[in-house]
Amino acid sequence: DTEVSNQITLVEDVLAKLCKTIYPLADLLARPLPEGVDPLKLEIYLTDEDFEFALDMTRKEYNALPSWKQVNLKKTAGLF
């Protein structure tokens, strides 16, 4: 029973990590990235505050830009 409950806890921990949708900016700038994070879309995991701090604009302003400008901004911010 103890072994089974330890395995259940481990599965719950893994699922919690994989279901996490928000990460601090420092976690996304560090390597290796957290498990389950898409390295091509790091900006989607930021809080609105971290997003504005890192990219110096709101999500709405960012989404209005052409994709090549978005890529350049992410490169400058270290999110690419």
PDB file of N, CA and C in Angstrom:
ATOM      1  N   ASP A   1       0.823  -1.203   0.000  1.00  0.00           N
ATOM      2  CA  ASP A   1       0.000   0.000   0.000  1.00  0.00           C
ATOM      3  C   ASP A   1       0.860   1.257   0.000  1.00  0.00           C
ATOM      4  N   THR A   2       1.947   1.235   0.744  1.00  0.00           N
ATOM      5  CA  THR A   2       2.825   2.407   0.802  1.00  0.00           C
ATOM      6  C   THR A   2       3.437   2.685  -0.560  1.00  0.00           C
ATOM      7  N   GLU A   3       3.889   1.645  -1.253  1.00  0.00           N
ATOM      8  CA  GLU A   3       4.485   1.820  -2.576  1.00  0.00           C
ATOM      9  C   GLU A   3       3.464   2.377  -3.563  1.00  0.00           C
ATOM     10  N   VAL A   4       2.249   1.884  -3.510  1.00  0.00           N
ATOM     11  CA  VAL A   4       1.194   2.362  -4.403  1.00  0.00           C
ATOM     12  C   VAL A   4       0.887   3.828  -4.113  1.00  0.00           C
ATOM     13  N   SER A   5       0.791   4.217  -2.855  1.00  0.00           N
ATOM     14  CA  SER A   5       0.478   5.615  -2.530  1.00  0.00           C
ATOM     15  C   SER A   5       1.624   6.538  -2.934  1.00  0.00           C
ATOM     16  N   ASN A   6       2.877   6.074  -2.849  1.00  0.00           N
ATOM     17  CA  ASN A   6       4.011   6.868  -3.315  1.00  0.00           C
ATOM     18  C   ASN A   6       3.953   7.064  -4.821  1.00  0.00           C
ATOM     19  N   GLN A   7       3.561   6.046  -5.556  1.00  0.00           N
ATOM     20  CA  GLN A   7       3.434   6.154  -7.005  1.00  0.00           C
ATOM     21  C   GLN A   7       2.306   7.105  -7.378  1.00  0.00           C
ATOM     22  N   ILE A   8       1.217   7.075  -6.647  1.00  0.00           N
ATOM     23  CA  ILE A   8       0.096   7.971  -6.919  1.00  0.00           C
ATOM     24  C   ILE A   8       0.529   9.421  -6.681  1.00  0.00           C
ATOM     25  N   THR A   9       1.244   9.670  -5.620  1.00  0.00           N
ATOM     26  CA  THR A   9       1.735  11.004  -5.343  1.00  0.00           C
ATOM     27  C   THR A   9       2.665  11.461  -6.452  1.00  0.00           C
ATOM     28  N   LEU A  10       3.522  10.593  -6.910  1.00  0.00           N
ATOM     29  CA  LEU A  10       4.449  10.932  -7.981  1.00  0.00           C
ATOM     30  C   LEU A  10       3.685  11.298  -9.254  1.00  0.00           C
ATOM     31  N   VAL A  11       2.665  10.550  -9.605  1.00  0.00           N
ATOM     32  CA  VAL A  11       1.854  10.848 -10.785  1.00  0.00           C
ATOM     33  C   VAL A  11       1.167  12.200 -10.612  1.00  0.00           C
ATOM     34  N   GLU A  12       0.650  12.468  -9.433  1.00  0.00           N
ATOM     35  CA  GLU A  12       0.004  13.759  -9.171  1.00  0.00           C
ATOM     36  C   GLU A  12       0.995  14.901  -9.329  1.00  0.00           C
ATOM     37  N   ASP A  13       2.220  14.716  -8.850  1.00  0.00           N
ATOM     38  CA  ASP A  13       3.251  15.751  -8.984  1.00  0.00           C
ATOM     39  C   ASP A  13       3.588  16.008 -10.445  1.00  0.00           C
ATOM     40  N   VAL A  14       3.736  14.931 -11.212  1.00  0.00           N
ATOM     41  CA  VAL A  14       4.059  15.068 -12.632  1.00  0.00           C
ATOM     42  C   VAL A  14       2.929  15.780 -13.360  1.00  0.00           C
ATOM     43  N   LEU A  15       1.703  15.392 -13.090  1.00  0.00           N
ATOM     44  CA  LEU A  15       0.561  16.047 -13.730  1.00  0.00           C
ATOM     45  C   LEU A  15       0.487  17.522 -13.355  1.00  0.00           C
ATOM     46  N   ALA A  16       0.766  17.842 -12.115  1.00  0.00           N
ATOM     47  CA  ALA A  16       0.739  19.238 -11.687  1.00  0.00           C
ATOM     48  C   ALA A  16       1.789  20.057 -12.441  1.00  0.00           C
ATOM     49  N   LYS A  17       2.978  19.483 -12.626  1.00  0.00           N
ATOM     50  CA  LYS A  17       4.028  20.186 -13.364  1.00  0.00           C
ATOM     51  C   LYS A  17       3.649  20.380 -14.825  1.00  0.00           C
ATOM     52  N   LEU A  18       3.073  19.349 -15.425  1.00  0.00           N
ATOM     53  CA  LEU A  18       2.718  19.418 -16.841  1.00  0.00           C
ATOM     54  C   LEU A  18       1.509  20.322 -17.098  1.00  0.00           C
ATOM     55  N   CYS A  19       0.669  20.512 -16.096  1.00  0.00           N
ATOM     56  CA  CYS A  19      -0.528  21.333 -16.258  1.00  0.00           C
ATOM     57  C   CYS A  19      -0.283  22.793 -15.886  1.00  0.00           C
ATOM     58  N   LYS A  20       0.883  23.074 -15.366  1.00  0.00           N
ATOM     59  CA  LYS A  20       1.195  24.442 -14.959  1.00  0.00           C
ATOM     60  C   LYS A  20       1.236  25.330 -16.203  1.00  0.00           C
ATOM     61  N   THR A  21       0.597  26.496 -16.115  1.00  0.00           N
ATOM     62  CA  THR A  21       0.514  27.367 -17.286  1.00  0.00           C
ATOM     63  C   THR A  21       1.218  28.703 -17.102  1.00  0.00           C
ATOM     64  N   ILE A  22       1.574  29.052 -15.877  1.00  0.00           N
ATOM     65  CA  ILE A  22       2.236  30.325 -15.600  1.00  0.00           C
ATOM     66  C   ILE A  22       3.567  30.047 -14.893  1.00  0.00           C
ATOM     67  N   TYR A  23       4.620  30.701 -15.399  1.00  0.00           N
ATOM     68  CA  TYR A  23       5.943  30.567 -14.798  1.00  0.00           C
ATOM     69  C   TYR A  23       6.541  31.947 -14.595  1.00  0.00           C
ATOM     70  N   PRO A  24       7.364  32.117 -13.563  1.00  0.00           N
ATOM     71  CA  PRO A  24       8.078  33.389 -13.398  1.00  0.00           C
ATOM     72  C   PRO A  24       9.064  33.588 -14.556  1.00  0.00           C
ATOM     73  N   LEU A  25       9.338  34.819 -14.876  1.00  0.00           N
ATOM     74  CA  LEU A  25      10.257  35.148 -15.965  1.00  0.00           C
ATOM     75  C   LEU A  25      11.602  34.456 -15.771  1.00  0.00           C
ATOM     76  N   ALA A  26      12.108  34.428 -14.550  1.00  0.00           N
ATOM     77  CA  ALA A  26      13.413  33.810 -14.274  1.00  0.00           C
ATOM     78  C   ALA A  26      13.426  32.330 -14.667  1.00  0.00           C
ATOM     79  N   ASP A  27      12.317  31.624 -14.442  1.00  0.00           N
ATOM     80  CA  ASP A  27      12.242  30.203 -14.797  1.00  0.00           C
ATOM     81  C   ASP A  27      12.297  29.999 -16.310  1.00  0.00           C
ATOM     82  N   LEU A  28      11.740  30.942 -17.061  1.00  0.00           N
ATOM     83  CA  LEU A  28      11.707  30.811 -18.515  1.00  0.00           C
ATOM     84  C   LEU A  28      13.007  31.270 -19.163  1.00  0.00           C
ATOM     85  N   LEU A  29      13.800  32.053 -18.434  1.00  0.00           N
ATOM     86  CA  LEU A  29      15.096  32.482 -18.952  1.00  0.00           C
ATOM     87  C   LEU A  29      16.183  31.462 -18.629  1.00  0.00           C
ATOM     88  N   ALA A  30      15.921  30.588 -17.654  1.00  0.00           N
ATOM     89  CA  ALA A  30      16.897  29.578 -17.244  1.00  0.00           C
ATOM     90  C   ALA A  30      16.804  28.360 -18.156  1.00  0.00           C
ATOM     91  N   ARG A  31      17.913  27.638 -18.243  1.00  0.00           N
ATOM     92  CA  ARG A  31      17.931  26.397 -19.008  1.00  0.00           C
ATOM     93  C   ARG A  31      18.413  25.289 -18.100  1.00  0.00           C
ATOM     94  N   PRO A  32      17.862  24.123 -18.148  1.00  0.00           N
ATOM     95  CA  PRO A  32      16.799  23.692 -19.049  1.00  0.00           C
ATOM     96  C   PRO A  32      15.460  24.302 -18.637  1.00  0.00           C
ATOM     97  N   LEU A  33      14.550  24.386 -19.587  1.00  0.00           N
ATOM     98  CA  LEU A  33      13.219  24.911 -19.334  1.00  0.00           C
ATOM     99  C   LEU A  33      12.428  23.926 -18.486  1.00  0.00           C
ATOM    100  N   PRO A  34      11.403  24.424 -17.771  1.00  0.00           N
ATOM    101  CA  PRO A  34      10.541  23.497 -17.032  1.00  0.00           C
ATOM    102  C   PRO A  34       9.878  22.504 -17.984  1.00  0.00           C
ATOM    103  N   GLU A  35       9.586  21.324 -17.471  1.00  0.00           N
ATOM    104  CA  GLU A  35       8.950  20.287 -18.286  1.00  0.00           C
ATOM    105  C   GLU A  35       7.604  20.763 -18.807  1.00  0.00           C
ATOM    106  N   GLY A  36       7.330  20.443 -20.062  1.00  0.00           N
ATOM    107  CA  GLY A  36       6.044  20.768 -20.644  1.00  0.00           C
ATOM    108  C   GLY A  36       5.943  22.157 -21.255  1.00  0.00           C
ATOM    109  N   VAL A  37       7.018  22.948 -21.168  1.00  0.00           N
ATOM    110  CA  VAL A  37       7.009  24.309 -21.700  1.00  0.00           C
ATOM    111  C   VAL A  37       7.436  24.272 -23.168  1.00  0.00           C
ATOM    112  N   ASP A  38       6.657  24.934 -24.024  1.00  0.00           N
ATOM    113  CA  ASP A  38       6.980  25.029 -25.450  1.00  0.00           C
ATOM    114  C   ASP A  38       8.041  26.108 -25.632  1.00  0.00           C
ATOM    115  N   PRO A  39       9.256  25.745 -26.035  1.00  0.00           N
ATOM    116  CA  PRO A  39      10.338  26.725 -26.131  1.00  0.00           C
ATOM    117  C   PRO A  39      10.115  27.796 -27.209  1.00  0.00           C
ATOM    118  N   LEU A  40       9.180  27.559 -28.125  1.00  0.00           N
ATOM    119  CA  LEU A  40       8.908  28.545 -29.168  1.00  0.00           C
ATOM    120  C   LEU A  40       7.837  29.553 -28.764  1.00  0.00           C
ATOM    121  N   LYS A  41       7.194  29.319 -27.621  1.00  0.00           N
ATOM    122  CA  LYS A  41       6.107  30.205 -27.179  1.00  0.00           C
ATOM    123  C   LYS A  41       6.249  30.565 -25.708  1.00  0.00           C
ATOM    124  N   LEU A  42       7.453  30.909 -25.303  1.00  0.00           N
ATOM    125  CA  LEU A  42       7.699  31.191 -23.892  1.00  0.00           C
ATOM    126  C   LEU A  42       6.849  32.336 -23.363  1.00  0.00           C
ATOM    127  N   GLU A  43       6.522  33.287 -24.225  1.00  0.00           N
ATOM    128  CA  GLU A  43       5.767  34.463 -23.774  1.00  0.00           C
ATOM    129  C   GLU A  43       4.372  34.110 -23.256  1.00  0.00           C
ATOM    130  N   ILE A  44       3.798  33.004 -23.702  1.00  0.00           N
ATOM    131  CA  ILE A  44       2.445  32.658 -23.251  1.00  0.00           C
ATOM    132  C   ILE A  44       2.418  32.176 -21.801  1.00  0.00           C
ATOM    133  N   TYR A  45       3.560  31.829 -21.248  1.00  0.00           N
ATOM    134  CA  TYR A  45       3.629  31.326 -19.872  1.00  0.00           C
ATOM    135  C   TYR A  45       3.864  32.425 -18.843  1.00  0.00           C
ATOM    136  N   LEU A  46       4.040  33.665 -19.290  1.00  0.00           N
ATOM    137  CA  LEU A  46       4.328  34.775 -18.392  1.00  0.00           C
ATOM    138  C   LEU A  46       3.051  35.382 -17.814  1.00  0.00           C
ATOM    139  N   THR A  47       3.157  35.902 -16.600  1.00  0.00           N
ATOM    140  CA  THR A  47       2.064  36.711 -16.066  1.00  0.00           C
ATOM    141  C   THR A  47       2.013  37.996 -16.887  1.00  0.00           C
ATOM    142  N   ASP A  48       0.919  38.710 -16.817  1.00  0.00           N
ATOM    143  CA  ASP A  48       0.813  39.975 -17.560  1.00  0.00           C
ATOM    144  C   ASP A  48       1.904  40.952 -17.128  1.00  0.00           C
ATOM    145  N   GLU A  49       2.217  40.971 -15.832  1.00  0.00           N
ATOM    146  CA  GLU A  49       3.243  41.874 -15.326  1.00  0.00           C
ATOM    147  C   GLU A  49       4.624  41.514 -15.872  1.00  0.00           C
ATOM    148  N   ASP A  50       4.966  40.225 -15.825  1.00  0.00           N
ATOM    149  CA  ASP A  50       6.259  39.784 -16.360  1.00  0.00           C
ATOM    150  C   ASP A  50       6.332  39.993 -17.868  1.00  0.00           C
ATOM    151  N   PHE A  51       5.217  39.780 -18.543  1.00  0.00           N
ATOM    152  CA  PHE A  51       5.170  39.980 -19.994  1.00  0.00           C
ATOM    153  C   PHE A  51       5.512  41.432 -20.327  1.00  0.00           C
ATOM    154  N   GLU A  52       4.848  42.364 -19.649  1.00  0.00           N
ATOM    155  CA  GLU A  52       5.097  43.785 -19.914  1.00  0.00           C
ATOM    156  C   GLU A  52       6.516  44.190 -19.507  1.00  0.00           C
ATOM    157  N   PHE A  53       7.021  43.610 -18.433  1.00  0.00           N
ATOM    158  CA  PHE A  53       8.392  43.908 -18.008  1.00  0.00           C
ATOM    159  C   PHE A  53       9.394  43.414 -19.042  1.00  0.00           C
ATOM    160  N   ALA A  54       9.219  42.185 -19.520  1.00  0.00           N
ATOM    161  CA  ALA A  54      10.185  41.573 -20.435  1.00  0.00           C
ATOM    162  C   ALA A  54      10.112  42.160 -21.841  1.00  0.00           C
ATOM    163  N   LEU A  55       8.907  42.422 -22.325  1.00  0.00           N
ATOM    164  CA  LEU A  55       8.747  42.846 -23.717  1.00  0.00           C
ATOM    165  C   LEU A  55       8.394  44.326 -23.863  1.00  0.00           C
ATOM    166  N   ASP A  56       8.213  45.002 -22.760  1.00  0.00           N
ATOM    167  CA  ASP A  56       7.969  46.450 -22.737  1.00  0.00           C
ATOM    168  C   ASP A  56       6.716  46.836 -23.521  1.00  0.00           C
ATOM    169  N   MET A  57       5.704  45.976 -23.475  1.00  0.00           N
ATOM    170  CA  MET A  57       4.404  46.274 -24.105  1.00  0.00           C
ATOM    171  C   MET A  57       3.377  45.292 -23.588  1.00  0.00           C
ATOM    172  N   THR A  58       2.111  45.613 -23.828  1.00  0.00           N
ATOM    173  CA  THR A  58       1.041  44.711 -23.399  1.00  0.00           C
ATOM    174  C   THR A  58       0.915  43.550 -24.379  1.00  0.00           C
ATOM    175  N   ARG A  59       0.191  42.522 -23.966  1.00  0.00           N
ATOM    176  CA  ARG A  59      -0.055  41.380 -24.858  1.00  0.00           C
ATOM    177  C   ARG A  59      -0.819  41.828 -26.105  1.00  0.00           C
ATOM    178  N   LYS A  60      -1.762  42.738 -25.913  1.00  0.00           N
ATOM    179  CA  LYS A  60      -2.560  43.219 -27.046  1.00  0.00           C
ATOM    180  C   LYS A  60      -1.665  43.919 -28.075  1.00  0.00           C
ATOM    181  N   GLU A  61      -0.758  44.765 -27.590  1.00  0.00           N
ATOM    182  CA  GLU A  61       0.178  45.450 -28.492  1.00  0.00           C
ATOM    183  C   GLU A  61       1.093  44.435 -29.187  1.00  0.00           C
ATOM    184  N   TYR A  62       1.572  43.476 -28.426  1.00  0.00           N
ATOM    185  CA  TYR A  62       2.451  42.445 -28.965  1.00  0.00           C
ATOM    186  C   TYR A  62       1.740  41.624 -30.050  1.00  0.00           C
ATOM    187  N   ASN A  63       0.516  41.222 -29.772  1.00  0.00           N
ATOM    188  CA  ASN A  63      -0.233  40.397 -30.721  1.00  0.00           C
ATOM    189  C   ASN A  63      -0.577  41.148 -32.007  1.00  0.00           C
ATOM    190  N   ALA A  64      -0.582  42.474 -31.953  1.00  0.00           N
ATOM    191  CA  ALA A  64      -0.877  43.273 -33.139  1.00  0.00           C
ATOM    192  C   ALA A  64       0.339  43.394 -34.066  1.00  0.00           C
ATOM    193  N   LEU A  65       1.516  43.036 -33.576  1.00  0.00           N
ATOM    194  CA  LEU A  65       2.739  43.140 -34.380  1.00  0.00           C
ATOM    195  C   LEU A  65       2.845  41.993 -35.375  1.00  0.00           C
ATOM    196  N   PRO A  66       3.553  42.223 -36.489  1.00  0.00           N
ATOM    197  CA  PRO A  66       3.837  41.105 -37.405  1.00  0.00           C
ATOM    198  C   PRO A  66       4.725  40.071 -36.701  1.00  0.00           C
ATOM    199  N   SER A  67       4.647  38.833 -37.130  1.00  0.00           N
ATOM    200  CA  SER A  67       5.373  37.758 -36.441  1.00  0.00           C
ATOM    201  C   SER A  67       6.883  37.997 -36.424  1.00  0.00           C
ATOM    202  N   TRP A  68       7.456  38.585 -37.469  1.00  0.00           N
ATOM    203  CA  TRP A  68       8.905  38.810 -37.471  1.00  0.00           C
ATOM    204  C   TRP A  68       9.308  39.803 -36.385  1.00  0.00           C
ATOM    205  N   LYS A  69       8.449  40.785 -36.104  1.00  0.00           N
ATOM    206  CA  LYS A  69       8.752  41.730 -35.020  1.00  0.00           C
ATOM    207  C   LYS A  69       8.611  41.051 -33.658  1.00  0.00           C
ATOM    208  N   GLN A  70       7.637  40.166 -33.538  1.00  0.00           N
ATOM    209  CA  GLN A  70       7.475  39.422 -32.299  1.00  0.00           C
ATOM    210  C   GLN A  70       8.713  38.577 -32.021  1.00  0.00           C
ATOM    211  N   VAL A  71       9.215  37.911 -33.051  1.00  0.00           N
ATOM    212  CA  VAL A  71      10.414  37.084 -32.901  1.00  0.00           C
ATOM    213  C   VAL A  71      11.598  37.938 -32.479  1.00  0.00           C
ATOM    214  N   ASN A  72      11.774  39.097 -33.106  1.00  0.00           N
ATOM    215  CA  ASN A  72      12.892  39.979 -32.740  1.00  0.00           C
ATOM    216  C   ASN A  72      12.779  40.458 -31.296  1.00  0.00           C
ATOM    217  N   LEU A  73      11.573  40.792 -30.858  1.00  0.00           N
ATOM    218  CA  LEU A  73      11.373  41.206 -29.463  1.00  0.00           C
ATOM    219  C   LEU A  73      11.698  40.070 -28.501  1.00  0.00           C
ATOM    220  N   LYS A  74      11.249  38.856 -28.848  1.00  0.00           N
ATOM    221  CA  LYS A  74      11.530  37.709 -27.978  1.00  0.00           C
ATOM    222  C   LYS A  74      13.027  37.433 -27.907  1.00  0.00           C
ATOM    223  N   LYS A  75      13.715  37.576 -29.019  1.00  0.00           N
ATOM    224  CA  LYS A  75      15.173  37.376 -29.027  1.00  0.00           C
ATOM    225  C   LYS A  75      15.861  38.400 -28.120  1.00  0.00           C
ATOM    226  N   THR A  76      15.446  39.647 -28.232  1.00  0.00           N
ATOM    227  CA  THR A  76      16.028  40.714 -27.410  1.00  0.00           C
ATOM    228  C   THR A  76      15.790  40.448 -25.918  1.00  0.00           C
ATOM    229  N   ALA A  77      14.612  39.925 -25.597  1.00  0.00           N
ATOM    230  CA  ALA A  77      14.265  39.658 -24.207  1.00  0.00           C
ATOM    231  C   ALA A  77      14.808  38.326 -23.693  1.00  0.00           C
ATOM    232  N   GLY A  78      15.413  37.515 -24.577  1.00  0.00           N
ATOM    233  CA  GLY A  78      15.939  36.212 -24.170  1.00  0.00           C
ATOM    234  C   GLY A  78      14.883  35.135 -24.103  1.00  0.00           C
ATOM    235  N   LEU A  79      13.740  35.370 -24.753  1.00  0.00           N
ATOM    236  CA  LEU A  79      12.635  34.416 -24.720  1.00  0.00           C
ATOM    237  C   LEU A  79      12.491  33.630 -26.009  1.00  0.00           C
ATOM    238  N   PHE A  80      13.601  33.447 -26.719  1.00  0.00           N
ATOM    239  CA  PHE A  80      13.540  32.716 -27.975  1.00  0.00           C
ATOM    240  C   PHE A  80      14.680  31.739 -28.054  1.00  0.00           C
TER     241      PHE A  80
END
